[in-house]
PDB file of N, CA and C in Angstrom:
ATOM      1  N   MET A   1      92.125 -22.685 116.198  1.00  0.00           N
ATOM      2  CA  MET A   1      90.824 -22.492 116.806  1.00  0.00           C
ATOM      3  C   MET A   1      90.918 -21.537 117.992  1.00  0.00           C
ATOM      4  N   LYS A   2      92.010 -21.621 118.744  1.00  0.00           N
ATOM      5  CA  LYS A   2      92.199 -20.757 119.890  1.00  0.00           C
ATOM      6  C   LYS A   2      92.306 -19.291 119.450  1.00  0.00           C
ATOM      7  N   ALA A   3      92.942 -19.060 118.319  1.00  0.00           N
ATOM      8  CA  ALA A   3      93.082 -17.700 117.805  1.00  0.00           C
ATOM      9  C   ALA A   3      91.720 -17.104 117.460  1.00  0.00           C
ATOM     10  N   VAL A   4      90.833 -17.901 116.907  1.00  0.00           N
ATOM     11  CA  VAL A   4      89.492 -17.430 116.569  1.00  0.00           C
ATOM     12  C   VAL A   4      88.710 -17.085 117.830  1.00  0.00           C
ATOM     13  N   LYS A   5      88.797 -17.920 118.847  1.00  0.00           N
ATOM     14  CA  LYS A   5      88.106 -17.650 120.110  1.00  0.00           C
ATOM     15  C   LYS A   5      88.627 -16.368 120.753  1.00  0.00           C
ATOM     16  N   ASN A   6      89.940 -16.179 120.731  1.00  0.00           N
ATOM     17  CA  ASN A   6      90.526 -14.962 121.294  1.00  0.00           C
ATOM     18  C   ASN A   6      90.080 -13.718 120.521  1.00  0.00           C
ATOM     19  N   PHE A   7      89.990 -13.859 119.197  1.00  0.00           N
ATOM     20  CA  PHE A   7      89.553 -12.745 118.362  1.00  0.00           C
ATOM     21  C   PHE A   7      88.108 -12.364 118.681  1.00  0.00           C
ATOM     22  N   ILE A   8      87.251 -13.345 118.873  1.00  0.00           N
ATOM     23  CA  ILE A   8      85.846 -13.091 119.172  1.00  0.00           C
ATOM     24  C   ILE A   8      85.692 -12.437 120.547  1.00  0.00           C
ATOM     25  N   LYS A   9      86.499 -12.860 121.506  1.00  0.00           N
ATOM     26  CA  LYS A   9      86.417 -12.303 122.859  1.00  0.00           C
ATOM     27  C   LYS A   9      87.023 -10.901 122.957  1.00  0.00           C
ATOM     28  N   ASP A  10      87.934 -10.545 122.049  1.00  0.00           N
ATOM     29  CA  ASP A  10      88.608  -9.251 122.097  1.00  0.00           C
ATOM     30  C   ASP A  10      87.633  -8.139 121.725  1.00  0.00           C
ATOM     31  N   GLU A  11      87.493  -7.138 122.593  1.00  0.00           N
ATOM     32  CA  GLU A  11      86.566  -6.041 122.356  1.00  0.00           C
ATOM     33  C   GLU A  11      87.271  -4.720 122.097  1.00  0.00           C
ATOM     34  N   SER A  12      88.546  -4.741 121.809  1.00  0.00           N
ATOM     35  CA  SER A  12      89.295  -3.492 121.656  1.00  0.00           C
ATOM     36  C   SER A  12      88.934  -2.727 120.391  1.00  0.00           C
ATOM     37  N   GLY A  13      88.434  -3.370 119.376  1.00  0.00           N
ATOM     38  CA  GLY A  13      88.103  -2.683 118.129  1.00  0.00           C
ATOM     39  C   GLY A  13      86.630  -2.392 117.951  1.00  0.00           C
ATOM     40  N   ILE A  14      85.830  -2.615 118.973  1.00  0.00           N
ATOM     41  CA  ILE A  14      84.386  -2.439 118.867  1.00  0.00           C
ATOM     42  C   ILE A  14      84.019  -0.985 118.574  1.00  0.00           C
ATOM     43  N   GLU A  15      84.647  -0.023 119.246  1.00  0.00           N
ATOM     44  CA  GLU A  15      84.320   1.382 119.018  1.00  0.00           C
ATOM     45  C   GLU A  15      84.642   1.790 117.591  1.00  0.00           C
ATOM     46  N   THR A  16      85.728   1.301 117.056  1.00  0.00           N
ATOM     47  CA  THR A  16      86.094   1.618 115.687  1.00  0.00           C
ATOM     48  C   THR A  16      85.046   1.096 114.720  1.00  0.00           C
ATOM     49  N   ILE A  17      84.567  -0.087 114.959  1.00  0.00           N
ATOM     50  CA  ILE A  17      83.533  -0.662 114.096  1.00  0.00           C
ATOM     51  C   ILE A  17      82.251   0.154 114.205  1.00  0.00           C
ATOM     52  N   GLU A  18      81.903   0.586 115.401  1.00  0.00           N
ATOM     53  CA  GLU A  18      80.701   1.402 115.584  1.00  0.00           C
ATOM     54  C   GLU A  18      80.821   2.711 114.811  1.00  0.00           C
ATOM     55  N   TYR A  19      81.974   3.370 114.895  1.00  0.00           N
ATOM     56  CA  TYR A  19      82.168   4.612 114.162  1.00  0.00           C
ATOM     57  C   TYR A  19      82.122   4.377 112.653  1.00  0.00           C
ATOM     58  N   ALA A  20      82.659   3.269 112.197  1.00  0.00           N
ATOM     59  CA  ALA A  20      82.616   2.954 110.770  1.00  0.00           C
ATOM     60  C   ALA A  20      81.180   2.737 110.303  1.00  0.00           C
ATOM     61  N   ILE A  21      80.372   2.089 111.125  1.00  0.00           N
ATOM     62  CA  ILE A  21      78.973   1.873 110.773  1.00  0.00           C
ATOM     63  C   ILE A  21      78.224   3.204 110.719  1.00  0.00           C
ATOM     64  N   ILE A  22      78.473   4.076 111.676  1.00  0.00           N
ATOM     65  CA  ILE A  22      77.830   5.389 111.682  1.00  0.00           C
ATOM     66  C   ILE A  22      78.238   6.184 110.439  1.00  0.00           C
ATOM     67  N   ALA A  23      79.515   6.146 110.099  1.00  0.00           N
ATOM     68  CA  ALA A  23      79.991   6.855 108.910  1.00  0.00           C
ATOM     69  C   ALA A  23      79.343   6.293 107.647  1.00  0.00           C
ATOM     70  N   ALA A  24      79.177   4.991 107.585  1.00  0.00           N
ATOM     71  CA  ALA A  24      78.534   4.369 106.423  1.00  0.00           C
ATOM     72  C   ALA A  24      77.069   4.796 106.323  1.00  0.00           C
ATOM     73  N   ILE A  25      76.388   4.902 107.447  1.00  0.00           N
ATOM     74  CA  ILE A  25      74.985   5.338 107.433  1.00  0.00           C
ATOM     75  C   ILE A  25      74.884   6.786 106.959  1.00  0.00           C
ATOM     76  N   VAL A  26      75.773   7.639 107.450  1.00  0.00           N
ATOM     77  CA  VAL A  26      75.774   9.044 107.029  1.00  0.00           C
ATOM     78  C   VAL A  26      76.049   9.142 105.530  1.00  0.00           C
ATOM     79  N   ALA A  27      77.003   8.375 105.042  1.00  0.00           N
ATOM     80  CA  ALA A  27      77.313   8.388 103.615  1.00  0.00           C
ATOM     81  C   ALA A  27      76.132   7.876 102.791  1.00  0.00           C
ATOM     82  N   ALA A  28      75.452   6.851 103.273  1.00  0.00           N
ATOM     83  CA  ALA A  28      74.306   6.307 102.553  1.00  0.00           C
ATOM     84  C   ALA A  28      73.174   7.331 102.487  1.00  0.00           C
ATOM     85  N   VAL A  29      72.941   8.049 103.569  1.00  0.00           N
ATOM     86  CA  VAL A  29      71.896   9.078 103.572  1.00  0.00           C
ATOM     87  C   VAL A  29      72.269  10.200 102.607  1.00  0.00           C
ATOM     88  N   ALA A  30      73.536  10.595 102.601  1.00  0.00           N
ATOM     89  CA  ALA A  30      73.976  11.647 101.679  1.00  0.00           C
ATOM     90  C   ALA A  30      73.794  11.209 100.233  1.00  0.00           C
ATOM     91  N   LEU A  31      74.147   9.976  99.926  1.00  0.00           N
ATOM     92  CA  LEU A  31      73.951   9.469  98.565  1.00  0.00           C
ATOM     93  C   LEU A  31      72.473   9.395  98.211  1.00  0.00           C
ATOM     94  N   LEU A  32      71.660   9.014  99.151  1.00  0.00           N
ATOM     95  CA  LEU A  32      70.221   8.946  98.920  1.00  0.00           C
ATOM     96  C   LEU A  32      69.661  10.332  98.623  1.00  0.00           C
ATOM     97  N   ILE A  33      70.078  11.322  99.394  1.00  0.00           N
ATOM     98  CA  ILE A  33      69.589  12.690  99.177  1.00  0.00           C
ATOM     99  C   ILE A  33      69.964  13.184  97.787  1.00  0.00           C
ATOM    100  N   TYR A  34      71.207  13.005  97.399  1.00  0.00           N
ATOM    101  CA  TYR A  34      71.641  13.494  96.100  1.00  0.00           C
ATOM    102  C   TYR A  34      71.149  12.599  94.962  1.00  0.00           C
ATOM    103  N   GLY A  35      70.965  11.323  95.218  1.00  0.00           N
ATOM    104  CA  GLY A  35      70.482  10.409  94.183  1.00  0.00           C
ATOM    105  C   GLY A  35      69.026  10.630  93.844  1.00  0.00           C
ATOM    106  N   VAL A  36      68.224  10.989  94.826  1.00  0.00           N
ATOM    107  CA  VAL A  36      66.794  11.189  94.605  1.00  0.00           C
ATOM    108  C   VAL A  36      66.537  12.542  93.947  1.00  0.00           C
ATOM    109  N   GLY A  37      67.462  13.443  94.052  1.00  0.00           N
ATOM    110  CA  GLY A  37      67.292  14.749  93.441  1.00  0.00           C
ATOM    111  C   GLY A  37      67.046  15.857  94.439  1.00  0.00           C
ATOM    112  N   TRP A  38      67.110  15.557  95.693  1.00  0.00           N
ATOM    113  CA  TRP A  38      66.928  16.576  96.708  1.00  0.00           C
ATOM    114  C   TRP A  38      68.191  17.395  96.903  1.00  0.00           C
ATOM    115  N   GLY A  39      69.260  16.981  96.290  1.00  0.00           N
ATOM    116  CA  GLY A  39      70.549  17.655  96.484  1.00  0.00           C
ATOM    117  C   GLY A  39      70.506  19.116  96.106  1.00  0.00           C
ATOM    118  N   GLY A  40      69.854  19.434  94.988  1.00  0.00           N
ATOM    119  CA  GLY A  40      69.759  20.816  94.549  1.00  0.00           C
ATOM    120  C   GLY A  40      68.976  21.661  95.528  1.00  0.00           C
ATOM    121  N   SER A  41      67.902  21.118  96.026  1.00  0.00           N
ATOM    122  CA  SER A  41      67.077  21.837  97.000  1.00  0.00           C
ATOM    123  C   SER A  41      67.849  22.081  98.299  1.00  0.00           C
ATOM    124  N   VAL A  42      68.534  21.064  98.768  1.00  0.00           N
ATOM    125  CA  VAL A  42      69.323  21.200  99.997  1.00  0.00           C
ATOM    126  C   VAL A  42      70.439  22.214  99.788  1.00  0.00           C
ATOM    127  N   GLN A  43      71.086  22.145  98.635  1.00  0.00           N
ATOM    128  CA  GLN A  43      72.172  23.070  98.342  1.00  0.00           C
ATOM    129  C   GLN A  43      71.660  24.510  98.284  1.00  0.00           C
ATOM    130  N   ASN A  44      70.520  24.729  97.646  1.00  0.00           N
ATOM    131  CA  ASN A  44      69.965  26.085  97.573  1.00  0.00           C
ATOM    132  C   ASN A  44      69.584  26.600  98.952  1.00  0.00           C
ATOM    133  N   THR A  45      69.028  25.739  99.787  1.00  0.00           N
ATOM    134  CA  THR A  45      68.664  26.137 101.144  1.00  0.00           C
ATOM    135  C   THR A  45      69.897  26.555 101.933  1.00  0.00           C
ATOM    136  N   LEU A  46      70.963  25.778 101.821  1.00  0.00           N
ATOM    137  CA  LEU A  46      72.195  26.110 102.543  1.00  0.00           C
ATOM    138  C   LEU A  46      72.822  27.393 102.012  1.00  0.00           C
ATOM    139  N   LYS A  47      72.778  27.602 100.693  1.00  0.00           N
ATOM    140  CA  LYS A  47      73.324  28.835 100.119  1.00  0.00           C
ATOM    141  C   LYS A  47      72.528  30.045 100.585  1.00  0.00           C
ATOM    142  N   ASN A  48      71.206  29.919 100.616  1.00  0.00           N
ATOM    143  CA  ASN A  48      70.372  31.034 101.088  1.00  0.00           C
ATOM    144  C   ASN A  48      70.639  31.339 102.555  1.00  0.00           C
ATOM    145  N   ALA A  49      70.778  30.316 103.350  1.00  0.00           N
ATOM    146  CA  ALA A  49      71.067  30.512 104.777  1.00  0.00           C
ATOM    147  C   ALA A  49      72.426  31.180 104.966  1.00  0.00           C
ATOM    148  N   ALA A  50      73.407  30.763 104.180  1.00  0.00           N
ATOM    149  CA  ALA A  50      74.742  31.368 104.277  1.00  0.00           C
ATOM    150  C   ALA A  50      74.700  32.824 103.851  1.00  0.00           C
ATOM    151  N   ALA A  51      73.958  33.125 102.791  1.00  0.00           N
ATOM    152  CA  ALA A  51      73.868  34.503 102.319  1.00  0.00           C
ATOM    153  C   ALA A  51      73.184  35.384 103.360  1.00  0.00           C
ATOM    154  N   GLN A  52      72.148  34.874 103.988  1.00  0.00           N
ATOM    155  CA  GLN A  52      71.438  35.652 104.999  1.00  0.00           C
ATOM    156  C   GLN A  52      72.303  35.856 106.243  1.00  0.00           C
ATOM    157  N   SER A  53      73.086  34.873 106.587  1.00  0.00           N
ATOM    158  CA  SER A  53      73.908  35.015 107.804  1.00  0.00           C
ATOM    159  C   SER A  53      75.075  35.962 107.585  1.00  0.00           C
ATOM    160  N   THR A  54      75.565  36.077 106.366  1.00  0.00           N
ATOM    161  CA  THR A  54      76.691  36.986 106.113  1.00  0.00           C
ATOM    162  C   THR A  54      76.217  38.420 105.962  1.00  0.00           C
ATOM    163  N   THR A  55      74.947  38.620 105.586  1.00  0.00           N
ATOM    164  CA  THR A  55      74.445  39.983 105.417  1.00  0.00           C
ATOM    165  C   THR A  55      73.723  40.498 106.659  1.00  0.00           C
ATOM    166  N   ALA A  56      73.555  39.664 107.643  1.00  0.00           N
ATOM    167  CA  ALA A  56      72.847  40.068 108.865  1.00  0.00           C
ATOM    168  C   ALA A  56      73.728  41.021 109.675  1.00  0.00           C
ATOM    169  N   THR A  57      73.082  41.951 110.323  1.00  0.00           N
ATOM    170  CA  THR A  57      73.816  42.880 111.177  1.00  0.00           C
ATOM    171  C   THR A  57      73.535  42.532 112.630  1.00  0.00           C
ATOM    172  N   LEU A  58      74.520  42.761 113.444  1.00  0.00           N
ATOM    173  CA  LEU A  58      74.368  42.459 114.871  1.00  0.00           C
ATOM    174  C   LEU A  58      73.896  43.651 115.633  1.00  0.00           C
TER     175      LEU A  58
END
């Protein structure tokens, strides 16, 4: 029982858990975008932006 109490009080891994939750949310949004069918549209937009940025003159 003492080990469980010590584990609950220990806050050393909290940041790692927060980052894991953020990564899971980002992954879920990415899956949602590609699952709904917006993936092609997003991909085309990024390709067009990349093409325009490489052909732009300074």
